[in-house]
């Protein structure tokens, strides 16, 4: 995956900036393989998405919000392995609809998904993840047949016809979105209610129409698929305190839009 490879280069560059010796070779593999390499001290750091890593380490975990996933991931890591600060880079799956369809159905939030016409085809990249589809169904989505395509760009194009909805990650959509493409928007993850937050109700604000992927607040309870925030996973003994501080600085400097732009450049032929 280009985005993950780019993030590996970013963390490598950050470590070089503080004088850490970083090998030029990048090892590739899934989370299980890289953790195995880390156990053999052949890998010291790799980027991963928090929800995917938690699922591989603790398949029975039920948490979904960014903060809860991060905390549960910390508790589930093998001994001698740590995670740095989570970045706001999100690969959480989202439901995308044409803006015209959202307006005609009066839908802006995922919790209003049931207002969309029943039985609309749902377009996904590859195979749909059962847990994600179940999470959308729990929010009232009444999708029809699944259509599998090869790229997020194909999902976005199909959604733009207003004849289907799409499920694609926030990062994937950010990479694929083209300003000249038909206008689409992500259904926002529901915010916590005033009662949930223990606050006094305030006057409602006027919602804006999002045309790019939304990123739920890490402090908000999440109603939908498990959060997928990019985190650095590192061998605890391999990094000094100053090196850990350095990789944590990346979390304050990179966004989903930033990484999407870099991934687009790499897709166009630039070296990650």
C-alpha atoms as a PDB file:
ATOM      1  CA  UNK A   1       0.000   0.000   0.000  1.00  0.00           C
ATOM      2  CA  UNK A   2       1.508   3.309  -1.131  1.00  0.00           C
ATOM      3  CA  UNK A   3       0.233   5.298   1.855  1.00  0.00           C
ATOM      4  CA  UNK A   4       1.763   2.921   4.398  1.00  0.00           C
ATOM      5  CA  UNK A   5       5.056   2.837   2.496  1.00  0.00           C
ATOM      6  CA  UNK A   6       5.118   6.645   2.436  1.00  0.00           C
ATOM      7  CA  UNK A   7       4.466   6.775   6.172  1.00  0.00           C
ATOM      8  CA  UNK A   8       7.357   4.378   6.731  1.00  0.00           C
ATOM      9  CA  UNK A   9       9.575   6.802   4.799  1.00  0.00           C
ATOM     10  CA  UNK A  10       8.250   9.726   6.863  1.00  0.00           C
ATOM     11  CA  UNK A  11       9.048   7.990  10.152  1.00  0.00           C
ATOM     12  CA  UNK A  12      12.468   6.987   8.796  1.00  0.00           C
ATOM     13  CA  UNK A  13      13.173  10.580   7.826  1.00  0.00           C
ATOM     14  CA  UNK A  14      12.033  11.864  11.213  1.00  0.00           C
ATOM     15  CA  UNK A  15      14.396   9.456  12.965  1.00  0.00           C
ATOM     16  CA  UNK A  16      17.316  10.367  10.698  1.00  0.00           C
ATOM     17  CA  UNK A  17      16.728  14.022  11.602  1.00  0.00           C
ATOM     18  CA  UNK A  18      17.679  13.251  15.212  1.00  0.00           C
ATOM     19  CA  UNK A  19      20.698  11.173  14.246  1.00  0.00           C
ATOM     20  CA  UNK A  20      19.172   7.705  14.511  1.00  0.00           C
ATOM     21  CA  UNK A  21      20.716   5.066  12.230  1.00  0.00           C
ATOM     22  CA  UNK A  22      17.975   3.927   9.835  1.00  0.00           C
ATOM     23  CA  UNK A  23      18.399   1.127   7.314  1.00  0.00           C
ATOM     24  CA  UNK A  24      17.572   1.924   3.697  1.00  0.00           C
ATOM     25  CA  UNK A  25      15.784  -1.401   3.255  1.00  0.00           C
ATOM     26  CA  UNK A  26      12.029  -1.460   3.886  1.00  0.00           C
ATOM     27  CA  UNK A  27      10.586  -4.799   4.963  1.00  0.00           C
ATOM     28  CA  UNK A  28       7.038  -5.527   3.847  1.00  0.00           C
ATOM     29  CA  UNK A  29       4.326  -7.825   5.133  1.00  0.00           C
ATOM     30  CA  UNK A  30       1.093  -7.908   7.069  1.00  0.00           C
ATOM     31  CA  UNK A  31       0.901  -6.996  10.746  1.00  0.00           C
ATOM     32  CA  UNK A  32       1.460 -10.574  11.933  1.00  0.00           C
ATOM     33  CA  UNK A  33       4.555 -10.995   9.761  1.00  0.00           C
ATOM     34  CA  UNK A  34       6.029  -7.652  10.816  1.00  0.00           C
ATOM     35  CA  UNK A  35       5.409  -8.383  14.511  1.00  0.00           C
ATOM     36  CA  UNK A  36       7.200 -11.685  13.992  1.00  0.00           C
ATOM     37  CA  UNK A  37      10.134  -9.833  12.430  1.00  0.00           C
ATOM     38  CA  UNK A  38      10.054  -7.415  15.360  1.00  0.00           C
ATOM     39  CA  UNK A  39      10.222 -10.334  17.795  1.00  0.00           C
ATOM     40  CA  UNK A  40      13.395 -11.446  15.985  1.00  0.00           C
ATOM     41  CA  UNK A  41      14.757  -7.856  16.164  1.00  0.00           C
ATOM     42  CA  UNK A  42      14.756  -7.585  12.376  1.00  0.00           C
ATOM     43  CA  UNK A  43      12.208  -4.754  12.341  1.00  0.00           C
ATOM     44  CA  UNK A  44      12.174  -1.868  14.810  1.00  0.00           C
ATOM     45  CA  UNK A  45       9.243   0.220  13.564  1.00  0.00           C
ATOM     46  CA  UNK A  46       6.351  -0.035  11.121  1.00  0.00           C
ATOM     47  CA  UNK A  47       3.194   2.012  10.501  1.00  0.00           C
ATOM     48  CA  UNK A  48      -0.167   0.278  10.920  1.00  0.00           C
ATOM     49  CA  UNK A  49      -3.825   1.126  11.210  1.00  0.00           C
ATOM     50  CA  UNK A  50      -5.034   0.788  14.780  1.00  0.00           C
ATOM     51  CA  UNK A  51      -8.276  -1.079  14.120  1.00  0.00           C
ATOM     52  CA  UNK A  52      -6.739  -3.634  11.774  1.00  0.00           C
ATOM     53  CA  UNK A  53      -3.895  -4.311  14.189  1.00  0.00           C
ATOM     54  CA  UNK A  54      -6.291  -4.677  17.118  1.00  0.00           C
ATOM     55  CA  UNK A  55      -8.442  -7.098  15.137  1.00  0.00           C
ATOM     56  CA  UNK A  56      -5.414  -9.278  14.404  1.00  0.00           C
ATOM     57  CA  UNK A  57      -4.252  -9.243  18.038  1.00  0.00           C
ATOM     58  CA  UNK A  58      -7.627  -9.420  19.807  1.00  0.00           C
ATOM     59  CA  UNK A  59     -10.308 -10.772  17.447  1.00  0.00           C
ATOM     60  CA  UNK A  60     -12.973 -10.665  20.185  1.00  0.00           C
ATOM     61  CA  UNK A  61     -12.463  -6.982  20.986  1.00  0.00           C
ATOM     62  CA  UNK A  62     -15.637  -4.939  20.494  1.00  0.00           C
ATOM     63  CA  UNK A  63     -14.418  -1.342  20.883  1.00  0.00           C
ATOM     64  CA  UNK A  64     -14.913   1.007  17.927  1.00  0.00           C
ATOM     65  CA  UNK A  65     -14.037   4.612  18.852  1.00  0.00           C
ATOM     66  CA  UNK A  66     -10.559   5.982  18.139  1.00  0.00           C
ATOM     67  CA  UNK A  67      -9.614   6.412  21.791  1.00  0.00           C
ATOM     68  CA  UNK A  68     -10.991   3.034  22.868  1.00  0.00           C
ATOM     69  CA  UNK A  69      -9.290   1.225  19.992  1.00  0.00           C
ATOM     70  CA  UNK A  70      -5.974   2.880  20.845  1.00  0.00           C
ATOM     71  CA  UNK A  71      -6.281   1.981  24.535  1.00  0.00           C
ATOM     72  CA  UNK A  72      -7.288  -1.616  23.800  1.00  0.00           C
ATOM     73  CA  UNK A  73      -4.454  -1.920  21.285  1.00  0.00           C
ATOM     74  CA  UNK A  74      -1.970  -0.828  23.931  1.00  0.00           C
ATOM     75  CA  UNK A  75      -3.243  -3.585  26.215  1.00  0.00           C
ATOM     76  CA  UNK A  76      -3.113  -6.202  23.447  1.00  0.00           C
ATOM     77  CA  UNK A  77       0.400  -5.658  22.104  1.00  0.00           C
ATOM     78  CA  UNK A  78       3.024  -8.353  22.650  1.00  0.00           C
ATOM     79  CA  UNK A  79       5.588  -7.743  25.356  1.00  0.00           C
ATOM     80  CA  UNK A  80       8.358  -5.442  24.196  1.00  0.00           C
ATOM     81  CA  UNK A  81       6.196  -3.718  21.570  1.00  0.00           C
ATOM     82  CA  UNK A  82       4.712  -0.219  21.896  1.00  0.00           C
ATOM     83  CA  UNK A  83       2.685   2.211  19.826  1.00  0.00           C
ATOM     84  CA  UNK A  84       3.419   5.905  19.488  1.00  0.00           C
ATOM     85  CA  UNK A  85       0.897   8.701  19.261  1.00  0.00           C
ATOM     86  CA  UNK A  86      -1.947   8.040  16.859  1.00  0.00           C
ATOM     87  CA  UNK A  87      -2.057  10.307  13.827  1.00  0.00           C
ATOM     88  CA  UNK A  88      -5.319  11.807  12.552  1.00  0.00           C
ATOM     89  CA  UNK A  89      -4.799   9.873   9.295  1.00  0.00           C
ATOM     90  CA  UNK A  90      -7.969   7.802   9.026  1.00  0.00           C
ATOM     91  CA  UNK A  91      -8.722   4.687   7.008  1.00  0.00           C
ATOM     92  CA  UNK A  92     -12.066   4.111   8.715  1.00  0.00           C
ATOM     93  CA  UNK A  93     -14.663   2.842   6.206  1.00  0.00           C
ATOM     94  CA  UNK A  94     -17.353   5.391   5.391  1.00  0.00           C
ATOM     95  CA  UNK A  95     -20.596   5.432   3.431  1.00  0.00           C
ATOM     96  CA  UNK A  96     -20.482   7.796   0.452  1.00  0.00           C
ATOM     97  CA  UNK A  97     -23.507   9.074  -1.450  1.00  0.00           C
ATOM     98  CA  UNK A  98     -24.101  11.590  -4.209  1.00  0.00           C
ATOM     99  CA  UNK A  99     -24.829  15.014  -2.722  1.00  0.00           C
ATOM    100  CA  UNK A 100     -28.013  15.214  -4.792  1.00  0.00           C
ATOM    101  CA  UNK A 101     -29.199  11.919  -3.288  1.00  0.00           C
ATOM    102  CA  UNK A 102     -28.292  13.032   0.230  1.00  0.00           C
ATOM    103  CA  UNK A 103     -30.247  16.261  -0.233  1.00  0.00           C
ATOM    104  CA  UNK A 104     -33.329  14.583  -1.696  1.00  0.00           C
ATOM    105  CA  UNK A 105     -33.310  12.019   1.134  1.00  0.00           C
ATOM    106  CA  UNK A 106     -32.468  14.631   3.820  1.00  0.00           C
ATOM    107  CA  UNK A 107     -29.458  12.617   4.966  1.00  0.00           C
ATOM    108  CA  UNK A 108     -26.185  13.964   6.351  1.00  0.00           C
ATOM    109  CA  UNK A 109     -25.315  11.560   9.226  1.00  0.00           C
ATOM    110  CA  UNK A 110     -24.754   7.816   9.235  1.00  0.00           C
ATOM    111  CA  UNK A 111     -27.547   7.532  11.804  1.00  0.00           C
ATOM    112  CA  UNK A 112     -29.930   8.770   9.059  1.00  0.00           C
ATOM    113  CA  UNK A 113     -28.819   6.105   6.575  1.00  0.00           C
ATOM    114  CA  UNK A 114     -32.257   4.460   6.753  1.00  0.00           C
ATOM    115  CA  UNK A 115     -33.748   7.439   4.915  1.00  0.00           C
ATOM    116  CA  UNK A 116     -31.914   6.494   1.736  1.00  0.00           C
ATOM    117  CA  UNK A 117     -33.924   4.472  -0.791  1.00  0.00           C
ATOM    118  CA  UNK A 118     -33.966   0.835   0.220  1.00  0.00           C
ATOM    119  CA  UNK A 119     -32.033  -1.639  -1.873  1.00  0.00           C
ATOM    120  CA  UNK A 120     -29.505   0.707  -3.476  1.00  0.00           C
ATOM    121  CA  UNK A 121     -26.466  -1.282  -4.644  1.00  0.00           C
ATOM    122  CA  UNK A 122     -23.420  -0.812  -2.423  1.00  0.00           C
ATOM    123  CA  UNK A 123     -20.084  -0.535  -4.233  1.00  0.00           C
ATOM    124  CA  UNK A 124     -16.897  -1.639  -2.468  1.00  0.00           C
ATOM    125  CA  UNK A 125     -13.260  -2.261  -3.329  1.00  0.00           C
ATOM    126  CA  UNK A 126     -12.664  -5.998  -3.344  1.00  0.00           C
ATOM    127  CA  UNK A 127     -14.645  -7.948  -0.790  1.00  0.00           C
ATOM    128  CA  UNK A 128     -16.865  -6.231   1.780  1.00  0.00           C
ATOM    129  CA  UNK A 129     -15.822  -6.659   5.400  1.00  0.00           C
ATOM    130  CA  UNK A 130     -18.684  -8.379   7.266  1.00  0.00           C
ATOM    131  CA  UNK A 131     -18.041  -6.431  10.480  1.00  0.00           C
ATOM    132  CA  UNK A 132     -18.197  -3.105   8.622  1.00  0.00           C
ATOM    133  CA  UNK A 133     -21.387  -4.013   6.777  1.00  0.00           C
ATOM    134  CA  UNK A 134     -22.970  -5.178  10.036  1.00  0.00           C
ATOM    135  CA  UNK A 135     -22.033  -1.869  11.666  1.00  0.00           C
ATOM    136  CA  UNK A 136     -23.709   0.047   8.834  1.00  0.00           C
ATOM    137  CA  UNK A 137     -26.806  -2.155   9.051  1.00  0.00           C
ATOM    138  CA  UNK A 138     -26.980  -1.431  12.778  1.00  0.00           C
ATOM    139  CA  UNK A 139     -27.215   2.259  11.878  1.00  0.00           C
ATOM    140  CA  UNK A 140     -30.242   1.573   9.670  1.00  0.00           C
ATOM    141  CA  UNK A 141     -28.582   1.269   6.258  1.00  0.00           C
ATOM    142  CA  UNK A 142     -30.701  -0.877   3.925  1.00  0.00           C
ATOM    143  CA  UNK A 143     -28.234  -1.683   1.190  1.00  0.00           C
ATOM    144  CA  UNK A 144     -28.976  -3.889  -1.794  1.00  0.00           C
ATOM    145  CA  UNK A 145     -26.598  -6.101  -3.738  1.00  0.00           C
ATOM    146  CA  UNK A 146     -22.861  -5.666  -3.323  1.00  0.00           C
ATOM    147  CA  UNK A 147     -20.875  -4.591  -6.377  1.00  0.00           C
ATOM    148  CA  UNK A 148     -17.130  -5.201  -6.191  1.00  0.00           C
ATOM    149  CA  UNK A 149     -14.745  -2.945  -8.112  1.00  0.00           C
ATOM    150  CA  UNK A 150     -10.991  -2.644  -8.302  1.00  0.00           C
ATOM    151  CA  UNK A 151     -10.329   0.826  -6.906  1.00  0.00           C
ATOM    152  CA  UNK A 152     -11.688   3.630  -4.753  1.00  0.00           C
ATOM    153  CA  UNK A 153     -11.798   5.793  -7.863  1.00  0.00           C
ATOM    154  CA  UNK A 154     -14.290   3.370  -9.429  1.00  0.00           C
ATOM    155  CA  UNK A 155     -16.397   3.484  -6.256  1.00  0.00           C
ATOM    156  CA  UNK A 156     -16.459   7.295  -6.340  1.00  0.00           C
ATOM    157  CA  UNK A 157     -17.454   7.322 -10.024  1.00  0.00           C
ATOM    158  CA  UNK A 158     -20.305   4.880  -9.419  1.00  0.00           C
ATOM    159  CA  UNK A 159     -21.547   6.836  -6.390  1.00  0.00           C
ATOM    160  CA  UNK A 160     -21.553  10.010  -8.480  1.00  0.00           C
ATOM    161  CA  UNK A 161     -24.338   8.578 -10.644  1.00  0.00           C
ATOM    162  CA  UNK A 162     -26.688   8.682  -7.594  1.00  0.00           C
ATOM    163  CA  UNK A 163     -27.716   5.128  -8.499  1.00  0.00           C
ATOM    164  CA  UNK A 164     -25.597   3.467  -5.802  1.00  0.00           C
ATOM    165  CA  UNK A 165     -23.908   4.106  -2.481  1.00  0.00           C
ATOM    166  CA  UNK A 166     -20.264   3.363  -1.842  1.00  0.00           C
ATOM    167  CA  UNK A 167     -18.191   2.123   1.066  1.00  0.00           C
ATOM    168  CA  UNK A 168     -14.576   3.237   0.957  1.00  0.00           C
ATOM    169  CA  UNK A 169     -12.041   4.319   3.563  1.00  0.00           C
ATOM    170  CA  UNK A 170     -11.544   7.976   4.380  1.00  0.00           C
ATOM    171  CA  UNK A 171      -7.946   7.779   3.130  1.00  0.00           C
ATOM    172  CA  UNK A 172      -8.898   5.853  -0.005  1.00  0.00           C
ATOM    173  CA  UNK A 173     -11.557   8.398  -0.865  1.00  0.00           C
ATOM    174  CA  UNK A 174      -9.185  11.304  -0.250  1.00  0.00           C
ATOM    175  CA  UNK A 175      -6.698   9.769  -2.691  1.00  0.00           C
ATOM    176  CA  UNK A 176      -9.393   9.071  -5.292  1.00  0.00           C
ATOM    177  CA  UNK A 177     -11.463  12.253  -5.123  1.00  0.00           C
ATOM    178  CA  UNK A 178     -11.197  14.393  -8.229  1.00  0.00           C
ATOM    179  CA  UNK A 179     -12.502  17.989  -8.151  1.00  0.00           C
ATOM    180  CA  UNK A 180     -13.951  17.432 -11.630  1.00  0.00           C
ATOM    181  CA  UNK A 181     -15.872  14.323 -10.536  1.00  0.00           C
ATOM    182  CA  UNK A 182     -19.573  14.404  -9.632  1.00  0.00           C
ATOM    183  CA  UNK A 183     -20.143  15.842  -6.182  1.00  0.00           C
ATOM    184  CA  UNK A 184     -20.348  13.256  -3.429  1.00  0.00           C
ATOM    185  CA  UNK A 185     -20.177  13.300   0.348  1.00  0.00           C
ATOM    186  CA  UNK A 186     -19.513  10.976   3.257  1.00  0.00           C
ATOM    187  CA  UNK A 187     -22.254  10.333   5.795  1.00  0.00           C
ATOM    188  CA  UNK A 188     -20.920  11.802   9.011  1.00  0.00           C
ATOM    189  CA  UNK A 189     -20.411   9.607  12.039  1.00  0.00           C
ATOM    190  CA  UNK A 190     -23.037  10.597  14.630  1.00  0.00           C
ATOM    191  CA  UNK A 191     -21.776  12.914  17.332  1.00  0.00           C
ATOM    192  CA  UNK A 192     -22.477  12.031  20.978  1.00  0.00           C
ATOM    193  CA  UNK A 193     -25.816  13.235  22.286  1.00  0.00           C
ATOM    194  CA  UNK A 194     -25.958  15.978  24.904  1.00  0.00           C
ATOM    195  CA  UNK A 195     -27.079  13.368  27.429  1.00  0.00           C
ATOM    196  CA  UNK A 196     -24.128  11.139  26.549  1.00  0.00           C
ATOM    197  CA  UNK A 197     -21.753  14.055  26.911  1.00  0.00           C
ATOM    198  CA  UNK A 198     -23.363  15.252  30.145  1.00  0.00           C
ATOM    199  CA  UNK A 199     -23.802  18.743  28.746  1.00  0.00           C
ATOM    200  CA  UNK A 200     -26.618  21.249  28.621  1.00  0.00           C
ATOM    201  CA  UNK A 201     -28.283  21.274  25.197  1.00  0.00           C
ATOM    202  CA  UNK A 202     -27.218  24.186  23.041  1.00  0.00           C
ATOM    203  CA  UNK A 203     -28.678  25.790  19.964  1.00  0.00           C
ATOM    204  CA  UNK A 204     -28.105  23.646  16.879  1.00  0.00           C
ATOM    205  CA  UNK A 205     -25.613  24.847  14.323  1.00  0.00           C
ATOM    206  CA  UNK A 206     -26.255  24.905  10.612  1.00  0.00           C
ATOM    207  CA  UNK A 207     -24.573  21.864   9.063  1.00  0.00           C
ATOM    208  CA  UNK A 208     -22.326  22.317   6.079  1.00  0.00           C
ATOM    209  CA  UNK A 209     -22.335  19.897   3.188  1.00  0.00           C
ATOM    210  CA  UNK A 210     -19.135  17.844   3.249  1.00  0.00           C
ATOM    211  CA  UNK A 211     -17.704  16.936  -0.137  1.00  0.00           C
ATOM    212  CA  UNK A 212     -14.580  15.268   1.206  1.00  0.00           C
ATOM    213  CA  UNK A 213     -14.101  12.395   3.649  1.00  0.00           C
ATOM    214  CA  UNK A 214     -14.959  13.273   7.217  1.00  0.00           C
ATOM    215  CA  UNK A 215     -12.693  12.432  10.121  1.00  0.00           C
ATOM    216  CA  UNK A 216     -14.549  11.704  13.375  1.00  0.00           C
ATOM    217  CA  UNK A 217     -13.188  13.336  16.480  1.00  0.00           C
ATOM    218  CA  UNK A 218     -11.057  10.918  18.457  1.00  0.00           C
ATOM    219  CA  UNK A 219     -12.848  12.081  21.601  1.00  0.00           C
ATOM    220  CA  UNK A 220     -16.307  11.219  20.277  1.00  0.00           C
ATOM    221  CA  UNK A 221     -17.965   7.841  20.753  1.00  0.00           C
ATOM    222  CA  UNK A 222     -18.121   6.165  17.365  1.00  0.00           C
ATOM    223  CA  UNK A 223     -21.244   4.551  15.959  1.00  0.00           C
ATOM    224  CA  UNK A 224     -20.133   2.606  12.936  1.00  0.00           C
ATOM    225  CA  UNK A 225     -17.118   0.559  11.854  1.00  0.00           C
ATOM    226  CA  UNK A 226     -14.042   0.306  14.039  1.00  0.00           C
ATOM    227  CA  UNK A 227     -11.771   3.351  13.888  1.00  0.00           C
ATOM    228  CA  UNK A 228      -8.650   2.976  11.766  1.00  0.00           C
ATOM    229  CA  UNK A 229      -6.046   5.591  12.690  1.00  0.00           C
ATOM    230  CA  UNK A 230      -2.475   5.288  11.519  1.00  0.00           C
ATOM    231  CA  UNK A 231      -0.041   4.616  14.376  1.00  0.00           C
ATOM    232  CA  UNK A 232       3.686   3.887  14.594  1.00  0.00           C
ATOM    233  CA  UNK A 233       4.387   0.452  16.082  1.00  0.00           C
ATOM    234  CA  UNK A 234       7.896   0.066  17.467  1.00  0.00           C
ATOM    235  CA  UNK A 235      10.136  -2.304  19.366  1.00  0.00           C
ATOM    236  CA  UNK A 236      10.299  -0.681  22.791  1.00  0.00           C
ATOM    237  CA  UNK A 237      13.985  -1.381  23.377  1.00  0.00           C
ATOM    238  CA  UNK A 238      15.007  -0.078  19.949  1.00  0.00           C
ATOM    239  CA  UNK A 239      14.146   3.616  20.410  1.00  0.00           C
ATOM    240  CA  UNK A 240      15.503   6.125  22.880  1.00  0.00           C
ATOM    241  CA  UNK A 241      13.211   8.549  24.659  1.00  0.00           C
ATOM    242  CA  UNK A 242      14.193  11.350  22.288  1.00  0.00           C
ATOM    243  CA  UNK A 243      13.534   9.125  19.272  1.00  0.00           C
ATOM    244  CA  UNK A 244      10.077   8.245  20.592  1.00  0.00           C
ATOM    245  CA  UNK A 245       9.401  11.954  21.078  1.00  0.00           C
ATOM    246  CA  UNK A 246      10.491  12.553  17.497  1.00  0.00           C
ATOM    247  CA  UNK A 247       8.143   9.975  15.958  1.00  0.00           C
ATOM    248  CA  UNK A 248       5.298  11.330  18.099  1.00  0.00           C
ATOM    249  CA  UNK A 249       5.838  14.740  16.514  1.00  0.00           C
ATOM    250  CA  UNK A 250       4.692  13.254  13.227  1.00  0.00           C
ATOM    251  CA  UNK A 251       1.167  12.883  14.635  1.00  0.00           C
ATOM    252  CA  UNK A 252       0.894  16.653  14.850  1.00  0.00           C
ATOM    253  CA  UNK A 253       2.193  17.257  11.347  1.00  0.00           C
ATOM    254  CA  UNK A 254       0.422  14.774   9.046  1.00  0.00           C
ATOM    255  CA  UNK A 255      -3.254  14.650   8.055  1.00  0.00           C
ATOM    256  CA  UNK A 256      -5.374  12.371   5.900  1.00  0.00           C
ATOM    257  CA  UNK A 257      -5.338  15.016   3.163  1.00  0.00           C
ATOM    258  CA  UNK A 258      -1.533  15.353   3.371  1.00  0.00           C
ATOM    259  CA  UNK A 259      -0.957  11.629   3.026  1.00  0.00           C
ATOM    260  CA  UNK A 260      -3.530  11.379   0.250  1.00  0.00           C
ATOM    261  CA  UNK A 261      -1.675  14.040  -1.737  1.00  0.00           C
ATOM    262  CA  UNK A 262       1.637  12.201  -1.279  1.00  0.00           C
ATOM    263  CA  UNK A 263      -0.003   8.922  -2.326  1.00  0.00           C
ATOM    264  CA  UNK A 264      -1.362  10.579  -5.477  1.00  0.00           C
ATOM    265  CA  UNK A 265       2.168  11.740  -6.341  1.00  0.00           C
ATOM    266  CA  UNK A 266       3.506   8.236  -5.798  1.00  0.00           C
ATOM    267  CA  UNK A 267       0.724   6.780  -7.962  1.00  0.00           C
ATOM    268  CA  UNK A 268       1.804   9.220 -10.665  1.00  0.00           C
ATOM    269  CA  UNK A 269       5.366   7.840 -10.537  1.00  0.00           C
ATOM    270  CA  UNK A 270       7.143   9.756  -7.790  1.00  0.00           C
ATOM    271  CA  UNK A 271       9.366   7.783  -5.427  1.00  0.00           C
ATOM    272  CA  UNK A 272       7.686   7.349  -2.032  1.00  0.00           C
END
